[in-house]
Amino acid sequence: MPRKAKHAFGAKAAFVRSHPSTPASELVQLAEQEGLTLTVGHIYNIRSKQKKQAGDAGAAGAEPVAAAPTPRGDSGSLDAQLRTLVIRIGLDRAERVFAELKASLARVV
């Protein structure tokens, strides 16, 4: 009887991470087509661990930040990037940052 092809270490986790918005039940079926054996529980565990690692990567004491919406139109413009950052950190915090920046620039000039 021929041996089954062995996938690389971490292939299941990489497969799950490559389909972040696919429901777990559909992902099990997709994995079977690729020759991987996954369960719904395994998918939830992989995604949970990924979320924890993403949370640990943030700065200590940093405020939780919601996912920033993608700016429409010219995403390369500095104005769009600034608006996205203000949305991500919140208007109050952005105003404090701008006030600090303004004060430090006033001392330099």
C-alpha atoms as a PDB file:
ATOM      1  CA  MET A   1       0.000   0.000   0.000  1.00  0.00           C
ATOM      2  CA  PRO A   2       1.537   3.376  -0.989  1.00  0.00           C
ATOM      3  CA  ARG A   3       2.289   5.880   1.729  1.00  0.00           C
ATOM      4  CA  LYS A   4       0.320   9.085   1.920  1.00  0.00           C
ATOM      5  CA  ALA A   5       2.178  12.237   1.002  1.00  0.00           C
ATOM      6  CA  LYS A   6       3.320  13.979   4.171  1.00  0.00           C
ATOM      7  CA  HIS A   7       2.727  17.706   4.395  1.00  0.00           C
ATOM      8  CA  ALA A   8       5.253  20.119   5.827  1.00  0.00           C
ATOM      9  CA  PHE A   9       5.150  20.908   9.535  1.00  0.00           C
ATOM     10  CA  GLY A  10       2.631  23.688  10.114  1.00  0.00           C
ATOM     11  CA  ALA A  11       0.853  23.141   6.802  1.00  0.00           C
ATOM     12  CA  LYS A  12      -2.554  22.907   8.477  1.00  0.00           C
ATOM     13  CA  ALA A  13      -2.085  26.145  10.406  1.00  0.00           C
ATOM     14  CA  ALA A  14      -0.774  27.910   7.313  1.00  0.00           C
ATOM     15  CA  PHE A  15      -3.776  26.649   5.355  1.00  0.00           C
ATOM     16  CA  VAL A  16      -6.193  27.958   8.008  1.00  0.00           C
ATOM     17  CA  ARG A  17      -4.401  31.331   8.179  1.00  0.00           C
ATOM     18  CA  SER A  18      -4.595  31.672   4.406  1.00  0.00           C
ATOM     19  CA  HIS A  19      -8.414  31.567   4.593  1.00  0.00           C
ATOM     20  CA  PRO A  20      -9.223  33.976   7.456  1.00  0.00           C
ATOM     21  CA  SER A  21     -12.823  34.728   6.536  1.00  0.00           C
ATOM     22  CA  THR A  22     -13.886  31.259   5.382  1.00  0.00           C
ATOM     23  CA  PRO A  23     -16.304  29.552   7.806  1.00  0.00           C
ATOM     24  CA  ALA A  24     -14.775  26.591   9.619  1.00  0.00           C
ATOM     25  CA  SER A  25     -17.205  24.055   8.167  1.00  0.00           C
ATOM     26  CA  GLU A  26     -16.333  25.124   4.607  1.00  0.00           C
ATOM     27  CA  LEU A  27     -12.644  25.148   5.472  1.00  0.00           C
ATOM     28  CA  VAL A  28     -12.823  21.496   6.553  1.00  0.00           C
ATOM     29  CA  GLN A  29     -14.141  20.603   3.100  1.00  0.00           C
ATOM     30  CA  LEU A  30     -11.502  22.716   1.335  1.00  0.00           C
ATOM     31  CA  ALA A  31      -8.781  21.064   3.406  1.00  0.00           C
ATOM     32  CA  GLU A  32     -10.008  17.612   2.416  1.00  0.00           C
ATOM     33  CA  GLN A  33      -9.699  18.608  -1.238  1.00  0.00           C
ATOM     34  CA  GLU A  34      -6.086  19.603  -0.540  1.00  0.00           C
ATOM     35  CA  GLY A  35      -5.386  16.313   1.233  1.00  0.00           C
ATOM     36  CA  LEU A  36      -5.358  17.786   4.751  1.00  0.00           C
ATOM     37  CA  THR A  37      -7.387  16.391   7.633  1.00  0.00           C
ATOM     38  CA  LEU A  38      -8.854  19.176   9.762  1.00  0.00           C
ATOM     39  CA  THR A  39     -11.645  19.402  12.283  1.00  0.00           C
ATOM     40  CA  VAL A  40     -13.738  22.437  13.119  1.00  0.00           C
ATOM     41  CA  GLY A  41     -12.240  22.440  16.623  1.00  0.00           C
ATOM     42  CA  HIS A  42      -8.702  22.466  15.237  1.00  0.00           C
ATOM     43  CA  ILE A  43      -9.566  25.457  13.043  1.00  0.00           C
ATOM     44  CA  TYR A  44     -10.981  27.355  16.018  1.00  0.00           C
ATOM     45  CA  ASN A  45      -7.843  26.572  18.056  1.00  0.00           C
ATOM     46  CA  ILE A  46      -5.537  27.829  15.293  1.00  0.00           C
ATOM     47  CA  ARG A  47      -7.546  31.032  14.854  1.00  0.00           C
ATOM     48  CA  SER A  48      -7.718  31.591  18.615  1.00  0.00           C
ATOM     49  CA  LYS A  49      -3.956  31.234  18.974  1.00  0.00           C
ATOM     50  CA  GLN A  50      -3.441  33.635  16.077  1.00  0.00           C
ATOM     51  CA  LYS A  51      -5.678  36.249  17.727  1.00  0.00           C
ATOM     52  CA  LYS A  52      -3.800  35.896  21.025  1.00  0.00           C
ATOM     53  CA  GLN A  53      -0.448  36.318  19.283  1.00  0.00           C
ATOM     54  CA  ALA A  54      -1.727  39.383  17.446  1.00  0.00           C
ATOM     55  CA  GLY A  55      -2.846  40.849  20.774  1.00  0.00           C
ATOM     56  CA  ASP A  56       0.524  40.107  22.410  1.00  0.00           C
ATOM     57  CA  ALA A  57       2.363  41.859  19.591  1.00  0.00           C
ATOM     58  CA  GLY A  58       0.796  45.211  20.519  1.00  0.00           C
ATOM     59  CA  ALA A  59       2.512  47.640  22.877  1.00  0.00           C
ATOM     60  CA  ALA A  60       2.030  47.055  26.585  1.00  0.00           C
ATOM     61  CA  GLY A  61      -0.790  49.184  27.902  1.00  0.00           C
ATOM     62  CA  ALA A  62      -1.895  50.205  24.438  1.00  0.00           C
ATOM     63  CA  GLU A  63      -5.559  50.822  23.890  1.00  0.00           C
ATOM     64  CA  PRO A  64      -7.345  48.183  21.817  1.00  0.00           C
ATOM     65  CA  VAL A  65      -7.725  49.363  18.256  1.00  0.00           C
ATOM     66  CA  ALA A  66     -10.504  48.418  15.890  1.00  0.00           C
ATOM     67  CA  ALA A  67      -9.599  47.444  12.361  1.00  0.00           C
ATOM     68  CA  ALA A  68      -9.207  50.568  10.279  1.00  0.00           C
ATOM     69  CA  PRO A  69     -11.430  50.935   7.267  1.00  0.00           C
ATOM     70  CA  THR A  70      -9.658  50.980   3.944  1.00  0.00           C
ATOM     71  CA  PRO A  71      -9.694  54.508   2.546  1.00  0.00           C
ATOM     72  CA  ARG A  72     -11.598  54.855  -0.706  1.00  0.00           C
ATOM     73  CA  GLY A  73     -10.109  56.513  -3.741  1.00  0.00           C
ATOM     74  CA  ASP A  74      -6.442  57.472  -3.670  1.00  0.00           C
ATOM     75  CA  SER A  75      -5.152  55.236  -0.876  1.00  0.00           C
ATOM     76  CA  GLY A  76      -1.608  56.483  -1.429  1.00  0.00           C
ATOM     77  CA  SER A  77      -2.384  60.061  -0.527  1.00  0.00           C
ATOM     78  CA  LEU A  78      -1.079  61.344   2.767  1.00  0.00           C
ATOM     79  CA  ASP A  79      -4.463  62.816   3.666  1.00  0.00           C
ATOM     80  CA  ALA A  80      -6.128  59.424   3.369  1.00  0.00           C
ATOM     81  CA  GLN A  81      -3.394  57.818   5.451  1.00  0.00           C
ATOM     82  CA  LEU A  82      -3.765  60.483   8.124  1.00  0.00           C
ATOM     83  CA  ARG A  83      -7.534  60.028   8.246  1.00  0.00           C
ATOM     84  CA  THR A  84      -7.082  56.272   8.595  1.00  0.00           C
ATOM     85  CA  LEU A  85      -4.641  56.718  11.466  1.00  0.00           C
ATOM     86  CA  VAL A  86      -6.954  59.163  13.251  1.00  0.00           C
ATOM     87  CA  ILE A  87      -9.791  56.654  12.949  1.00  0.00           C
ATOM     88  CA  ARG A  88      -7.585  53.869  14.294  1.00  0.00           C
ATOM     89  CA  ILE A  89      -6.278  55.710  17.360  1.00  0.00           C
ATOM     90  CA  GLY A  90      -9.376  57.794  18.032  1.00  0.00           C
ATOM     91  CA  LEU A  91      -9.978  61.509  17.696  1.00  0.00           C
ATOM     92  CA  ASP A  92      -9.152  62.402  21.330  1.00  0.00           C
ATOM     93  CA  ARG A  93      -5.789  60.649  21.232  1.00  0.00           C
ATOM     94  CA  ALA A  94      -5.016  62.125  17.795  1.00  0.00           C
ATOM     95  CA  GLU A  95      -5.739  65.627  19.127  1.00  0.00           C
ATOM     96  CA  ARG A  96      -3.316  65.027  22.051  1.00  0.00           C
ATOM     97  CA  VAL A  97      -0.635  63.838  19.613  1.00  0.00           C
ATOM     98  CA  PHE A  98      -1.175  66.874  17.384  1.00  0.00           C
ATOM     99  CA  ALA A  99      -1.010  69.205  20.410  1.00  0.00           C
ATOM    100  CA  GLU A 100       2.278  67.630  21.530  1.00  0.00           C
ATOM    101  CA  LEU A 101       3.666  67.883  18.008  1.00  0.00           C
ATOM    102  CA  LYS A 102       2.602  71.502  17.723  1.00  0.00           C
ATOM    103  CA  ALA A 103       4.251  72.357  21.053  1.00  0.00           C
ATOM    104  CA  SER A 104       7.508  70.630  20.129  1.00  0.00           C
ATOM    105  CA  LEU A 105       7.588  72.352  16.727  1.00  0.00           C
ATOM    106  CA  ALA A 106       6.986  75.739  18.403  1.00  0.00           C
ATOM    107  CA  ARG A 107      10.064  75.194  20.578  1.00  0.00           C
ATOM    108  CA  VAL A 108      12.197  74.360  17.548  1.00  0.00           C
ATOM    109  CA  VAL A 109      11.076  77.323  15.454  1.00  0.00           C
END
